[in-house]
């Protein structure tokens, strides 16, 4: 339902992370990911600043996770769907609606 209503956005960092893995029907899957609406991407220097200002170091998240958090912050109302406990915890402390898929 969310996909058919175009209510899901893809972050380019996440698409790249997925492309590094083993995907069933790889060409088709990658094309479908690329066709999703794209999340706004925050510049790396701004990610770095967010890490320091918000104290996101040593929280168990990585760079891609920080990118996802930053994109959610600049797009109010965005929900973050993740099974990653550390990412979900960081997102929630920053006021992002983080949910289990």
PDB file of N, CA and C in Angstrom:
ATOM      1  N   UNK A   1       0.817  -1.186   0.000  1.00  0.00           N
ATOM      2  CA  UNK A   1       0.000   0.000   0.000  1.00  0.00           C
ATOM      3  C   UNK A   1       0.866   1.258   0.000  1.00  0.00           C
ATOM      4  N   UNK A   2       1.850   1.323   0.912  1.00  0.00           N
ATOM      5  CA  UNK A   2       2.720   2.499   0.967  1.00  0.00           C
ATOM      6  C   UNK A   2       3.490   2.678  -0.336  1.00  0.00           C
ATOM      7  N   UNK A   3       3.986   1.574  -0.887  1.00  0.00           N
ATOM      8  CA  UNK A   3       4.725   1.658  -2.145  1.00  0.00           C
ATOM      9  C   UNK A   3       3.836   2.115  -3.287  1.00  0.00           C
ATOM     10  N   UNK A   4       2.660   1.551  -3.385  1.00  0.00           N
ATOM     11  CA  UNK A   4       1.768   1.918  -4.485  1.00  0.00           C
ATOM     12  C   UNK A   4       1.284   3.359  -4.365  1.00  0.00           C
ATOM     13  N   UNK A   5       1.237   3.895  -3.149  1.00  0.00           N
ATOM     14  CA  UNK A   5       0.854   5.293  -2.939  1.00  0.00           C
ATOM     15  C   UNK A   5       2.051   6.238  -2.996  1.00  0.00           C
ATOM     16  N   UNK A   6       3.226   5.675  -3.311  1.00  0.00           N
ATOM     17  CA  UNK A   6       4.466   6.459  -3.396  1.00  0.00           C
ATOM     18  C   UNK A   6       4.747   7.212  -2.100  1.00  0.00           C
ATOM     19  N   UNK A   7       4.515   6.527  -0.984  1.00  0.00           N
ATOM     20  CA  UNK A   7       4.754   7.102   0.336  1.00  0.00           C
ATOM     21  C   UNK A   7       6.072   6.617   0.932  1.00  0.00           C
ATOM     22  N   UNK A   8       6.874   5.926   0.140  1.00  0.00           N
ATOM     23  CA  UNK A   8       8.166   5.410   0.579  1.00  0.00           C
ATOM     24  C   UNK A   8       9.241   6.130  -0.202  1.00  0.00           C
ATOM     25  N   UNK A   9      10.279   6.575   0.498  1.00  0.00           N
ATOM     26  CA  UNK A   9      11.415   7.181  -0.185  1.00  0.00           C
ATOM     27  C   UNK A   9      12.652   6.326   0.056  1.00  0.00           C
ATOM     28  N   UNK A  10      13.569   6.384  -0.887  1.00  0.00           N
ATOM     29  CA  UNK A  10      14.818   5.637  -0.796  1.00  0.00           C
ATOM     30  C   UNK A  10      15.963   6.628  -0.621  1.00  0.00           C
ATOM     31  N   UNK A  11      16.850   6.317   0.273  1.00  0.00           N
ATOM     32  CA  UNK A  11      18.059   7.131   0.446  1.00  0.00           C
ATOM     33  C   UNK A  11      19.153   6.522  -0.418  1.00  0.00           C
ATOM     34  N   UNK A  12      19.877   7.351  -1.123  1.00  0.00           N
ATOM     35  CA  UNK A  12      20.906   6.847  -2.038  1.00  0.00           C
ATOM     36  C   UNK A  12      21.977   6.035  -1.316  1.00  0.00           C
ATOM     37  N   UNK A  13      22.298   6.380  -0.082  1.00  0.00           N
ATOM     38  CA  UNK A  13      23.284   5.592   0.677  1.00  0.00           C
ATOM     39  C   UNK A  13      22.762   4.191   0.967  1.00  0.00           C
ATOM     40  N   UNK A  14      21.487   4.098   1.283  1.00  0.00           N
ATOM     41  CA  UNK A  14      20.896   2.790   1.558  1.00  0.00           C
ATOM     42  C   UNK A  14      20.840   1.949   0.289  1.00  0.00           C
ATOM     43  N   UNK A  15      20.489   2.582  -0.832  1.00  0.00           N
ATOM     44  CA  UNK A  15      20.470   1.854  -2.106  1.00  0.00           C
ATOM     45  C   UNK A  15      21.860   1.313  -2.430  1.00  0.00           C
ATOM     46  N   UNK A  16      22.883   2.101  -2.170  1.00  0.00           N
ATOM     47  CA  UNK A  16      24.255   1.659  -2.422  1.00  0.00           C
ATOM     48  C   UNK A  16      24.640   0.513  -1.483  1.00  0.00           C
ATOM     49  N   UNK A  17      24.234   0.611  -0.212  1.00  0.00           N
ATOM     50  CA  UNK A  17      24.502  -0.477   0.738  1.00  0.00           C
ATOM     51  C   UNK A  17      23.849  -1.773   0.277  1.00  0.00           C
ATOM     52  N   UNK A  18      22.599  -1.682  -0.165  1.00  0.00           N
ATOM     53  CA  UNK A  18      21.896  -2.868  -0.649  1.00  0.00           C
ATOM     54  C   UNK A  18      22.566  -3.433  -1.899  1.00  0.00           C
ATOM     55  N   UNK A  19      23.065  -2.560  -2.755  1.00  0.00           N
ATOM     56  CA  UNK A  19      23.730  -3.002  -3.986  1.00  0.00           C
ATOM     57  C   UNK A  19      25.002  -3.784  -3.690  1.00  0.00           C
ATOM     58  N   UNK A  20      25.592  -3.582  -2.527  1.00  0.00           N
ATOM     59  CA  UNK A  20      26.796  -4.326  -2.141  1.00  0.00           C
ATOM     60  C   UNK A  20      26.490  -5.761  -1.726  1.00  0.00           C
ATOM     61  N   UNK A  21      25.229  -6.044  -1.489  1.00  0.00           N
ATOM     62  CA  UNK A  21      24.843  -7.374  -1.037  1.00  0.00           C
ATOM     63  C   UNK A  21      24.426  -8.283  -2.173  1.00  0.00           C
ATOM     64  N   UNK A  22      24.004  -9.465  -1.776  1.00  0.00           N
ATOM     65  CA  UNK A  22      23.516 -10.454  -2.727  1.00  0.00           C
ATOM     66  C   UNK A  22      22.005 -10.282  -2.844  1.00  0.00           C
ATOM     67  N   UNK A  23      21.556  -9.906  -4.024  1.00  0.00           N
ATOM     68  CA  UNK A  23      20.137  -9.633  -4.240  1.00  0.00           C
ATOM     69  C   UNK A  23      19.533 -10.637  -5.205  1.00  0.00           C
ATOM     70  N   UNK A  24      18.343 -11.098  -4.884  1.00  0.00           N
ATOM     71  CA  UNK A  24      17.600 -11.944  -5.814  1.00  0.00           C
ATOM     72  C   UNK A  24      17.108 -11.041  -6.946  1.00  0.00           C
ATOM     73  N   UNK A  25      17.156 -11.528  -8.156  1.00  0.00           N
ATOM     74  CA  UNK A  25      16.738 -10.726  -9.317  1.00  0.00           C
ATOM     75  C   UNK A  25      17.426  -9.363  -9.292  1.00  0.00           C
ATOM     76  N   UNK A  26      18.745  -9.396  -9.134  1.00  0.00           N
ATOM     77  CA  UNK A  26      19.551  -8.202  -8.922  1.00  0.00           C
ATOM     78  C   UNK A  26      19.235  -7.039  -9.866  1.00  0.00           C
ATOM     79  N   UNK A  27      19.296  -7.217 -11.187  1.00  0.00           N
ATOM     80  CA  UNK A  27      19.042  -6.065 -12.068  1.00  0.00           C
ATOM     81  C   UNK A  27      17.664  -5.441 -11.839  1.00  0.00           C
ATOM     82  N   UNK A  28      16.648  -6.280 -11.740  1.00  0.00           N
ATOM     83  CA  UNK A  28      15.289  -5.775 -11.541  1.00  0.00           C
ATOM     84  C   UNK A  28      15.141  -5.082 -10.191  1.00  0.00           C
ATOM     85  N   UNK A  29      15.723  -5.669  -9.155  1.00  0.00           N
ATOM     86  CA  UNK A  29      15.636  -5.090  -7.814  1.00  0.00           C
ATOM     87  C   UNK A  29      16.298  -3.718  -7.771  1.00  0.00           C
ATOM     88  N   UNK A  30      17.485  -3.603  -8.366  1.00  0.00           N
ATOM     89  CA  UNK A  30      18.192  -2.319  -8.355  1.00  0.00           C
ATOM     90  C   UNK A  30      17.426  -1.252  -9.137  1.00  0.00           C
ATOM     91  N   UNK A  31      16.841  -1.639 -10.256  1.00  0.00           N
ATOM     92  CA  UNK A  31      16.036  -0.684 -11.031  1.00  0.00           C
ATOM     93  C   UNK A  31      14.845  -0.217 -10.199  1.00  0.00           C
ATOM     94  N   UNK A  32      14.198  -1.129  -9.516  1.00  0.00           N
ATOM     95  CA  UNK A  32      13.037  -0.762  -8.692  1.00  0.00           C
ATOM     96  C   UNK A  32      13.430   0.165  -7.549  1.00  0.00           C
ATOM     97  N   UNK A  33      14.569  -0.105  -6.937  1.00  0.00           N
ATOM     98  CA  UNK A  33      15.038   0.780  -5.869  1.00  0.00           C
ATOM     99  C   UNK A  33      15.316   2.181  -6.414  1.00  0.00           C
ATOM    100  N   UNK A  34      15.934   2.237  -7.583  1.00  0.00           N
ATOM    101  CA  UNK A  34      16.262   3.529  -8.193  1.00  0.00           C
ATOM    102  C   UNK A  34      15.026   4.309  -8.623  1.00  0.00           C
ATOM    103  N   UNK A  35      13.933   3.618  -8.873  1.00  0.00           N
ATOM    104  CA  UNK A  35      12.698   4.288  -9.305  1.00  0.00           C
ATOM    105  C   UNK A  35      11.887   4.862  -8.146  1.00  0.00           C
ATOM    106  N   UNK A  36      12.216   4.468  -6.924  1.00  0.00           N
ATOM    107  CA  UNK A  36      11.510   5.016  -5.768  1.00  0.00           C
ATOM    108  C   UNK A  36      11.812   6.506  -5.638  1.00  0.00           C
ATOM    109  N   UNK A  37      10.877   7.272  -5.096  1.00  0.00           N
ATOM    110  CA  UNK A  37      11.191   8.673  -4.812  1.00  0.00           C
ATOM    111  C   UNK A  37      12.426   8.734  -3.912  1.00  0.00           C
ATOM    112  N   UNK A  38      13.248   9.729  -4.107  1.00  0.00           N
ATOM    113  CA  UNK A  38      14.516   9.820  -3.391  1.00  0.00           C
ATOM    114  C   UNK A  38      14.424  10.758  -2.190  1.00  0.00           C
ATOM    115  N   UNK A  39      15.004  10.323  -1.083  1.00  0.00           N
ATOM    116  CA  UNK A  39      15.093  11.169   0.110  1.00  0.00           C
ATOM    117  C   UNK A  39      16.115  12.265  -0.140  1.00  0.00           C
ATOM    118  N   UNK A  40      15.923  13.382   0.512  1.00  0.00           N
ATOM    119  CA  UNK A  40      16.910  14.453   0.427  1.00  0.00           C
ATOM    120  C   UNK A  40      18.182  13.998   1.128  1.00  0.00           C
ATOM    121  N   UNK A  41      19.320  14.286   0.521  1.00  0.00           N
ATOM    122  CA  UNK A  41      20.617  13.856   1.049  1.00  0.00           C
ATOM    123  C   UNK A  41      21.328  15.050   1.667  1.00  0.00           C
ATOM    124  N   UNK A  42      21.865  14.848   2.849  1.00  0.00           N
ATOM    125  CA  UNK A  42      22.582  15.889   3.577  1.00  0.00           C
ATOM    126  C   UNK A  42      24.070  15.771   3.255  1.00  0.00           C
ATOM    127  N   UNK A  43      24.730  16.905   3.076  1.00  0.00           N
ATOM    128  CA  UNK A  43      26.166  16.932   2.775  1.00  0.00           C
ATOM    129  C   UNK A  43      26.958  16.301   3.919  1.00  0.00           C
ATOM    130  N   UNK A  44      28.036  15.641   3.569  1.00  0.00           N
ATOM    131  CA  UNK A  44      28.856  14.940   4.556  1.00  0.00           C
ATOM    132  C   UNK A  44      29.366  15.876   5.650  1.00  0.00           C
ATOM    133  N   UNK A  45      29.745  17.094   5.302  1.00  0.00           N
ATOM    134  CA  UNK A  45      30.233  18.035   6.329  1.00  0.00           C
ATOM    135  C   UNK A  45      29.127  18.328   7.348  1.00  0.00           C
ATOM    136  N   UNK A  46      27.873  18.359   6.887  1.00  0.00           N
ATOM    137  CA  UNK A  46      26.760  18.598   7.799  1.00  0.00           C
ATOM    138  C   UNK A  46      26.463  17.370   8.657  1.00  0.00           C
ATOM    139  N   UNK A  47      26.673  16.207   8.088  1.00  0.00           N
ATOM    140  CA  UNK A  47      26.535  14.961   8.869  1.00  0.00           C
ATOM    141  C   UNK A  47      27.558  14.974   9.995  1.00  0.00           C
ATOM    142  N   UNK A  48      28.779  15.324   9.651  1.00  0.00           N
ATOM    143  CA  UNK A  48      29.879  15.371  10.630  1.00  0.00           C
ATOM    144  C   UNK A  48      29.547  16.348  11.757  1.00  0.00           C
ATOM    145  N   UNK A  49      29.005  17.491  11.401  1.00  0.00           N
ATOM    146  CA  UNK A  49      28.630  18.480  12.409  1.00  0.00           C
ATOM    147  C   UNK A  49      27.494  17.947  13.286  1.00  0.00           C
ATOM    148  N   UNK A  50      26.513  17.291  12.665  1.00  0.00           N
ATOM    149  CA  UNK A  50      25.404  16.724  13.424  1.00  0.00           C
ATOM    150  C   UNK A  50      25.908  15.699  14.439  1.00  0.00           C
ATOM    151  N   UNK A  51      26.869  14.888  14.032  1.00  0.00           N
ATOM    152  CA  UNK A  51      27.432  13.881  14.934  1.00  0.00           C
ATOM    153  C   UNK A  51      27.996  14.542  16.187  1.00  0.00           C
ATOM    154  N   UNK A  52      28.731  15.623  16.002  1.00  0.00           N
ATOM    155  CA  UNK A  52      29.341  16.318  17.146  1.00  0.00           C
ATOM    156  C   UNK A  52      28.308  17.058  17.985  1.00  0.00           C
ATOM    157  N   UNK A  53      27.468  17.837  17.339  1.00  0.00           N
ATOM    158  CA  UNK A  53      26.500  18.668  18.053  1.00  0.00           C
ATOM    159  C   UNK A  53      25.490  17.816  18.814  1.00  0.00           C
ATOM    160  N   UNK A  54      25.058  16.735  18.202  1.00  0.00           N
ATOM    161  CA  UNK A  54      24.022  15.882  18.815  1.00  0.00           C
ATOM    162  C   UNK A  54      24.613  14.724  19.628  1.00  0.00           C
ATOM    163  N   UNK A  55      25.953  14.636  19.676  1.00  0.00           N
ATOM    164  CA  UNK A  55      26.595  13.578  20.457  1.00  0.00           C
ATOM    165  C   UNK A  55      26.269  12.184  19.954  1.00  0.00           C
ATOM    166  N   UNK A  56      26.308  11.983  18.647  1.00  0.00           N
ATOM    167  CA  UNK A  56      25.932  10.687  18.070  1.00  0.00           C
ATOM    168  C   UNK A  56      27.082   9.684  18.010  1.00  0.00           C
ATOM    169  N   UNK A  57      28.236  10.058  18.483  1.00  0.00           N
ATOM    170  CA  UNK A  57      29.374   9.139  18.480  1.00  0.00           C
ATOM    171  C   UNK A  57      29.206   8.103  19.592  1.00  0.00           C
ATOM    172  N   UNK A  58      29.758   6.922  19.339  1.00  0.00           N
ATOM    173  CA  UNK A  58      29.719   5.813  20.296  1.00  0.00           C
ATOM    174  C   UNK A  58      28.284   5.390  20.653  1.00  0.00           C
ATOM    175  N   UNK A  59      27.389   5.495  19.701  1.00  0.00           N
ATOM    176  CA  UNK A  59      25.999   5.096  19.914  1.00  0.00           C
ATOM    177  C   UNK A  59      25.648   3.817  19.164  1.00  0.00           C
ATOM    178  N   UNK A  60      26.617   3.261  18.432  1.00  0.00           N
ATOM    179  CA  UNK A  60      26.363   2.012  17.723  1.00  0.00           C
ATOM    180  C   UNK A  60      25.790   2.176  16.333  1.00  0.00           C
ATOM    181  N   UNK A  61      25.828   3.402  15.800  1.00  0.00           N
ATOM    182  CA  UNK A  61      25.346   3.602  14.434  1.00  0.00           C
ATOM    183  C   UNK A  61      26.535   3.907  13.529  1.00  0.00           C
ATOM    184  N   UNK A  62      26.339   3.702  12.234  1.00  0.00           N
ATOM    185  CA  UNK A  62      27.381   3.970  11.258  1.00  0.00           C
ATOM    186  C   UNK A  62      27.032   5.177  10.401  1.00  0.00           C
ATOM    187  N   UNK A  63      27.859   5.420   9.406  1.00  0.00           N
ATOM    188  CA  UNK A  63      27.686   6.589   8.553  1.00  0.00           C
ATOM    189  C   UNK A  63      26.366   6.559   7.784  1.00  0.00           C
ATOM    190  N   UNK A  64      26.016   5.410   7.225  1.00  0.00           N
ATOM    191  CA  UNK A  64      24.744   5.323   6.508  1.00  0.00           C
ATOM    192  C   UNK A  64      23.586   5.620   7.450  1.00  0.00           C
ATOM    193  N   UNK A  65      23.649   5.101   8.656  1.00  0.00           N
ATOM    194  CA  UNK A  65      22.605   5.377   9.646  1.00  0.00           C
ATOM    195  C   UNK A  65      22.513   6.875   9.940  1.00  0.00           C
ATOM    196  N   UNK A  66      23.663   7.521  10.096  1.00  0.00           N
ATOM    197  CA  UNK A  66      23.677   8.961  10.356  1.00  0.00           C
ATOM    198  C   UNK A  66      23.068   9.725   9.188  1.00  0.00           C
ATOM    199  N   UNK A  67      23.339   9.273   7.970  1.00  0.00           N
ATOM    200  CA  UNK A  67      22.727   9.892   6.793  1.00  0.00           C
ATOM    201  C   UNK A  67      21.202   9.760   6.841  1.00  0.00           C
ATOM    202  N   UNK A  68      20.715   8.590   7.208  1.00  0.00           N
ATOM    203  CA  UNK A  68      19.264   8.370   7.293  1.00  0.00           C
ATOM    204  C   UNK A  68      18.628   9.281   8.334  1.00  0.00           C
ATOM    205  N   UNK A  69      19.276   9.390   9.481  1.00  0.00           N
ATOM    206  CA  UNK A  69      18.777  10.262  10.545  1.00  0.00           C
ATOM    207  C   UNK A  69      18.732  11.708  10.062  1.00  0.00           C
ATOM    208  N   UNK A  70      19.804  12.166   9.436  1.00  0.00           N
ATOM    209  CA  UNK A  70      19.853  13.554   8.956  1.00  0.00           C
ATOM    210  C   UNK A  70      18.769  13.823   7.919  1.00  0.00           C
ATOM    211  N   UNK A  71      18.553  12.882   7.022  1.00  0.00           N
ATOM    212  CA  UNK A  71      17.511  13.064   6.005  1.00  0.00           C
ATOM    213  C   UNK A  71      16.129  13.146   6.639  1.00  0.00           C
ATOM    214  N   UNK A  72      15.894  12.340   7.663  1.00  0.00           N
ATOM    215  CA  UNK A  72      14.617  12.408   8.373  1.00  0.00           C
ATOM    216  C   UNK A  72      14.460  13.755   9.076  1.00  0.00           C
ATOM    217  N   UNK A  73      15.542  14.270   9.634  1.00  0.00           N
ATOM    218  CA  UNK A  73      15.474  15.549  10.336  1.00  0.00           C
ATOM    219  C   UNK A  73      15.145  16.706   9.401  1.00  0.00           C
ATOM    220  N   UNK A  74      15.651  16.659   8.159  1.00  0.00           N
ATOM    221  CA  UNK A  74      15.377  17.772   7.242  1.00  0.00           C
ATOM    222  C   UNK A  74      14.069  17.593   6.485  1.00  0.00           C
ATOM    223  N   UNK A  75      13.404  16.456   6.718  1.00  0.00           N
ATOM    224  CA  UNK A  75      12.107  16.205   6.098  1.00  0.00           C
ATOM    225  C   UNK A  75      11.121  15.831   7.199  1.00  0.00           C
ATOM    226  N   UNK A  76      10.608  16.843   7.913  1.00  0.00           N
ATOM    227  CA  UNK A  76       9.693  16.561   9.035  1.00  0.00           C
ATOM    228  C   UNK A  76       8.538  15.667   8.603  1.00  0.00           C
ATOM    229  N   UNK A  77       8.167  14.775   9.519  1.00  0.00           N
ATOM    230  CA  UNK A  77       7.071  13.856   9.245  1.00  0.00           C
ATOM    231  C   UNK A  77       7.521  12.548   8.631  1.00  0.00           C
ATOM    232  N   UNK A  78       8.808  12.444   8.324  1.00  0.00           N
ATOM    233  CA  UNK A  78       9.338  11.203   7.755  1.00  0.00           C
ATOM    234  C   UNK A  78       9.446  10.151   8.852  1.00  0.00           C
ATOM    235  N   UNK A  79       8.996   8.958   8.555  1.00  0.00           N
ATOM    236  CA  UNK A  79       9.126   7.832   9.478  1.00  0.00           C
ATOM    237  C   UNK A  79      10.322   7.003   9.030  1.00  0.00           C
ATOM    238  N   UNK A  80      11.050   6.481   9.979  1.00  0.00           N
ATOM    239  CA  UNK A  80      12.195   5.627   9.687  1.00  0.00           C
ATOM    240  C   UNK A  80      11.833   4.200  10.064  1.00  0.00           C
ATOM    241  N   UNK A  81      11.875   3.310   9.071  1.00  0.00           N
ATOM    242  CA  UNK A  81      11.554   1.904   9.314  1.00  0.00           C
ATOM    243  C   UNK A  81      12.863   1.130   9.386  1.00  0.00           C
ATOM    244  N   UNK A  82      13.141   0.539  10.542  1.00  0.00           N
ATOM    245  CA  UNK A  82      14.388  -0.206  10.704  1.00  0.00           C
ATOM    246  C   UNK A  82      14.244  -1.273  11.777  1.00  0.00           C
ATOM    247  N   UNK A  83      14.978  -2.345  11.585  1.00  0.00           N
ATOM    248  CA  UNK A  83      15.071  -3.396  12.600  1.00  0.00           C
ATOM    249  C   UNK A  83      16.302  -3.176  13.482  1.00  0.00           C
ATOM    250  N   UNK A  84      17.138  -2.212  13.116  1.00  0.00           N
ATOM    251  CA  UNK A  84      18.367  -1.929  13.840  1.00  0.00           C
ATOM    252  C   UNK A  84      18.041  -1.197  15.146  1.00  0.00           C
ATOM    253  N   UNK A  85      18.290  -1.864  16.258  1.00  0.00           N
ATOM    254  CA  UNK A  85      17.941  -1.326  17.569  1.00  0.00           C
ATOM    255  C   UNK A  85      18.676  -0.026  17.873  1.00  0.00           C
ATOM    256  N   UNK A  86      19.977   0.024  17.579  1.00  0.00           N
ATOM    257  CA  UNK A  86      20.754   1.233  17.857  1.00  0.00           C
ATOM    258  C   UNK A  86      20.240   2.404  17.026  1.00  0.00           C
ATOM    259  N   UNK A  87      19.997   2.179  15.750  1.00  0.00           N
ATOM    260  CA  UNK A  87      19.493   3.240  14.878  1.00  0.00           C
ATOM    261  C   UNK A  87      18.115   3.715  15.348  1.00  0.00           C
ATOM    262  N   UNK A  88      17.259   2.782  15.679  1.00  0.00           N
ATOM    263  CA  UNK A  88      15.923   3.145  16.141  1.00  0.00           C
ATOM    264  C   UNK A  88      16.007   3.969  17.425  1.00  0.00           C
ATOM    265  N   UNK A  89      16.887   3.580  18.320  1.00  0.00           N
ATOM    266  CA  UNK A  89      17.051   4.316  19.575  1.00  0.00           C
ATOM    267  C   UNK A  89      17.551   5.733  19.352  1.00  0.00           C
ATOM    268  N   UNK A  90      18.564   5.887  18.504  1.00  0.00           N
ATOM    269  CA  UNK A  90      19.095   7.221  18.197  1.00  0.00           C
ATOM    270  C   UNK A  90      18.006   8.073  17.546  1.00  0.00           C
ATOM    271  N   UNK A  91      17.308   7.495  16.590  1.00  0.00           N
ATOM    272  CA  UNK A  91      16.262   8.244  15.892  1.00  0.00           C
ATOM    273  C   UNK A  91      15.202   8.731  16.876  1.00  0.00           C
ATOM    274  N   UNK A  92      14.769   7.859  17.760  1.00  0.00           N
ATOM    275  CA  UNK A  92      13.729   8.235  18.712  1.00  0.00           C
ATOM    276  C   UNK A  92      14.188   9.354  19.641  1.00  0.00           C
ATOM    277  N   UNK A  93      15.449   9.309  20.066  1.00  0.00           N
ATOM    278  CA  UNK A  93      15.952  10.368  20.949  1.00  0.00           C
ATOM    279  C   UNK A  93      16.021  11.715  20.221  1.00  0.00           C
ATOM    280  N   UNK A  94      16.023  11.682  18.906  1.00  0.00           N
ATOM    281  CA  UNK A  94      16.080  12.905  18.113  1.00  0.00           C
ATOM    282  C   UNK A  94      14.699  13.328  17.608  1.00  0.00           C
ATOM    283  N   UNK A  95      13.660  12.653  18.084  1.00  0.00           N
ATOM    284  CA  UNK A  95      12.299  13.031  17.718  1.00  0.00           C
ATOM    285  C   UNK A  95      11.810  12.479  16.403  1.00  0.00           C
ATOM    286  N   UNK A  96      12.502  11.471  15.886  1.00  0.00           N
ATOM    287  CA  UNK A  96      12.103  10.835  14.625  1.00  0.00           C
ATOM    288  C   UNK A  96      11.243   9.629  14.945  1.00  0.00           C
ATOM    289  N   UNK A  97      10.135   9.499  14.250  1.00  0.00           N
ATOM    290  CA  UNK A  97       9.263   8.345  14.430  1.00  0.00           C
ATOM    291  C   UNK A  97       9.934   7.129  13.796  1.00  0.00           C
ATOM    292  N   UNK A  98      10.549   6.298  14.620  1.00  0.00           N
ATOM    293  CA  UNK A  98      11.256   5.105  14.143  1.00  0.00           C
ATOM    294  C   UNK A  98      10.439   3.875  14.490  1.00  0.00           C
ATOM    295  N   UNK A  99      10.187   3.056  13.476  1.00  0.00           N
ATOM    296  CA  UNK A  99       9.302   1.902  13.631  1.00  0.00           C
ATOM    297  C   UNK A  99       9.972   0.624  13.143  1.00  0.00           C
ATOM    298  N   UNK A 100       9.462  -0.474  13.635  1.00  0.00           N
ATOM    299  CA  UNK A 100       9.848  -1.774  13.099  1.00  0.00           C
ATOM    300  C   UNK A 100       9.085  -2.009  11.805  1.00  0.00           C
ATOM    301  N   UNK A 101       9.757  -2.577  10.792  1.00  0.00           N
ATOM    302  CA  UNK A 101       9.042  -2.883   9.538  1.00  0.00           C
ATOM    303  C   UNK A 101       8.071  -4.028   9.745  1.00  0.00           C
TER     304      UNK A 101
END
